[in-house]
Protein backbone atom coordinates (compact mmCIF):
# COMPACT_ATOMS: atom_id res chain seq x y z
CA MET A 1 26.10 304.11 -122.48
CA MET A 2 27.92 300.86 -123.50
CA GLU A 3 27.32 299.36 -126.83
CA PHE A 4 27.65 295.85 -127.98
CA GLU A 5 26.72 293.35 -130.77
CA PHE A 6 26.14 289.74 -130.43
CA ILE A 7 27.39 287.37 -133.14
CA ARG A 8 26.49 283.66 -133.56
CA ASN A 9 28.53 281.22 -135.49
CA THR A 10 25.96 278.67 -136.45
CA LEU A 11 28.33 276.25 -138.09
CA MET A 12 30.49 276.09 -134.93
CA GLY A 13 27.69 276.64 -132.40
CA GLU A 14 29.63 279.48 -130.89
CA TYR A 15 28.43 282.84 -129.48
CA TYR A 16 30.41 286.07 -129.32
CA VAL A 17 29.83 289.55 -128.03
CA LYS A 18 31.51 292.52 -129.56
CA PRO A 19 31.46 295.35 -127.02
CA SER A 20 32.40 298.98 -127.47
CA MET A 21 36.03 300.03 -127.23
CA GLY A 22 37.45 299.93 -123.73
CA HIS A 23 34.99 297.12 -122.65
CA GLU A 24 36.64 294.30 -124.46
CA VAL A 25 37.44 292.41 -121.34
CA LEU A 26 33.67 292.36 -120.46
CA GLY A 27 32.97 290.64 -123.80
CA ARG A 28 35.74 288.07 -123.11
CA TRP A 29 34.29 287.46 -119.58
CA LEU A 30 30.99 286.64 -121.05
CA GLU A 31 32.47 284.32 -123.78
CA GLU A 32 35.24 282.66 -121.74
CA GLU A 33 33.99 282.60 -118.16
CA ILE A 34 30.26 282.29 -118.61
CA GLY A 35 29.46 281.28 -122.20
CA LYS A 36 26.45 279.05 -122.62
CA ASP A 37 26.97 277.25 -119.27
CA LYS A 38 23.56 277.31 -117.49
CA GLN A 39 25.08 276.81 -114.04
CA LYS A 40 27.37 279.74 -114.41
CA ILE A 41 24.51 281.86 -115.72
CA GLN A 42 22.39 280.93 -112.71
CA GLN A 43 25.34 281.80 -110.42
CA VAL A 44 25.64 285.37 -111.93
CA GLU A 45 21.97 285.75 -111.57
CA ALA A 46 22.16 284.81 -108.02
CA LEU A 47 24.92 287.22 -107.43
CA LEU A 48 22.93 290.02 -109.07
CA GLU A 49 20.15 289.12 -106.73
CA ALA A 50 22.52 289.35 -103.81
CA VAL A 51 23.56 292.75 -104.96
CA ILE A 52 19.90 293.92 -104.72
CA GLN A 53 19.60 292.51 -101.36
CA SER A 54 23.01 293.95 -100.03
CA PRO A 55 23.96 296.82 -102.25
CA LEU A 56 26.62 298.11 -99.80
CA LEU A 57 28.62 294.92 -99.91
CA GLU A 58 31.25 294.03 -102.46
CA HIS A 59 30.16 290.99 -104.54
CA LYS A 60 32.49 288.85 -106.60
CA TYR A 61 32.33 286.20 -109.24
CA LEU A 62 35.80 284.76 -109.43
CA GLY A 63 36.49 283.34 -112.88
CA CYS A 64 39.46 281.21 -114.00
CA GLU A 65 41.10 284.05 -115.70
CA ILE A 66 38.67 287.11 -115.52
CA SER A 67 36.54 288.08 -112.46
CA LEU A 68 33.55 290.29 -111.93
CA ILE A 69 33.42 292.65 -109.00
CA ILE A 70 30.21 294.57 -108.07
CA GLN A 71 30.32 297.37 -105.42
CA GLY A 72 27.34 299.60 -105.14
CA ASP A 73 26.29 300.46 -108.63
CA GLU A 74 29.82 300.06 -110.06
CA VAL A 75 30.79 296.91 -111.96
CA THR A 76 34.33 296.07 -112.68
CA VAL A 77 35.63 293.09 -114.83
CA GLU A 78 39.30 292.45 -114.69
CA GLU A 79 41.83 289.95 -115.53
CA ASN A 80 42.79 288.10 -112.34
CA ILE A 81 46.53 288.69 -113.00
CA LEU A 82 46.01 292.39 -112.33
CA SER A 83 44.91 291.83 -108.79
CA HIS A 84 48.04 289.58 -108.17
CA GLY A 85 50.75 291.38 -109.89
CA GLU A 86 52.92 294.31 -109.04
CA SER A 87 51.61 297.81 -109.93
CA MET A 88 52.99 299.11 -113.13
CA PRO A 89 54.36 302.69 -113.41
CA GLU A 90 52.17 305.11 -115.20
CA ASP A 91 52.72 305.66 -118.90
CA SER A 92 54.37 302.23 -119.11
CA GLU A 93 54.33 300.10 -122.16
CA PHE A 94 51.59 298.06 -120.38
CA ASP A 95 48.99 300.85 -120.25
CA TYR A 96 47.46 299.69 -123.56
CA TYR A 97 47.30 296.09 -122.26
CA ASN A 98 45.78 297.16 -119.04
CA CYS A 99 43.02 299.06 -120.94
CA GLU A 100 42.00 295.73 -122.52
CA SER A 101 42.37 293.81 -119.12
CA LYS A 102 40.02 295.87 -117.05
CA ALA A 103 36.63 297.75 -117.65
CA SER A 104 34.11 299.38 -115.60
CA CYS A 105 30.52 300.06 -116.20
CA GLY A 106 27.31 300.90 -114.37
CA LEU A 107 25.28 298.19 -112.70
CA ASP A 108 22.28 298.98 -114.92
CA ASP A 109 24.31 298.71 -118.06
CA PHE A 110 25.87 295.43 -116.87
CA VAL A 111 22.39 293.92 -116.01
CA SER A 112 21.08 294.90 -119.41
CA LEU A 113 24.15 293.35 -121.21
CA PHE A 114 23.89 290.09 -119.12
CA GLU A 115 20.07 289.86 -119.67
CA GLN A 116 20.40 290.41 -123.48
CA TRP A 117 23.35 287.91 -123.54
CA THR A 118 21.13 285.10 -121.88
CA ALA A 119 18.16 286.09 -124.17
CA PHE A 120 20.55 285.78 -127.21
CA LEU A 121 21.57 282.42 -126.23
CA GLN A 122 18.08 281.20 -125.69
CA SER A 123 16.97 282.53 -129.14
CA ARG A 124 19.07 279.75 -130.90
């Protein structure tokens, strides 16, 4: 089960999510790619609806720096650079960086996180 905490900076009007270790990129995706943008939130909601309608297809939300990929009941969030770069050898000095650049979770956990994020934004 993925754990997370929402944080609001009322002075700056900024919203943050602090996910459990290993899911940092998911928090960055919410903050940087989606944020408070109602249009982007609606696009993700439409994507989740498409997943329900066609669960066997791969569904993507391509962000500027971080993208969301849903296949079946598996959700992957990864920095776009990972899908364009060369593969790194195992046990390289980039392993730690890659851990913070890609994360996976179940669809139910992701939907719960996203719904709680949007509710948190609306509770201003």
